[in-house]
Amino acid sequence: MADHPYNVLFLCTGNSARSILAETILNKVGAGKFHAYSAGSHPKGQVHSETLRLLQSLGYDITGLRSKSWIEFLKEPHFDFVFTVCDNAASETCPIWPGQPLTAHWGIADPAEAKGTPAEVSLAFKEAYRLLNQRISTFTSLPLRSLGQLAVQNKLHEIGSMEGATKLSERT
């Protein structure tokens, strides 16, 4: 694996909640070792207000977070890893990413689809954050530089089937 910081892209359809959460978590947890980005196949155009509220309450810098298309990333930077975090994005035909990054599906339920009281919606976002943080912490603890590509790919799929995985994640 590479000697530079790893570039990681998190994909979702709307790029307003899960992929934004993942990008922000990895940029903080993996500072210096990873550089995370997020994008959507059909971006909503704005980050979900509850995503921003949660991240800010947890002490994350939310400056510059925005919902964006994966088209922005077709040429640069070259990614080492690309993760889908929603089943829709995993089912779509994704672009061919330069550099042949390792890929995996880490699907979890969409908190942006949560219904109910404000407390119930907030809880859905907190749960998505918890699950993504768990996966990302496991990912960042992998000895990537000493594992072979196949071993890393297998670990990425194991991470995708951790607690809270969507049905599509369990099949991949």
Foldseek 3Di string as FASTA:
>chain_A
DDPAAFEEEEEEAALAALRLLLQQLCCVVVPRRHHYDYAHQHHPFAHPPLRVVVCVVVPTDCPPRTYHHCVVPQPPDQGQEYEYAAPVVVPDDDDCGPPRHQYAYQYADDLVPDDDDPVRSNVSRVVSSVLSNVLSVQLSPDPVVPDDPVVNSVVRLVSSPPPRHDPVSVVD
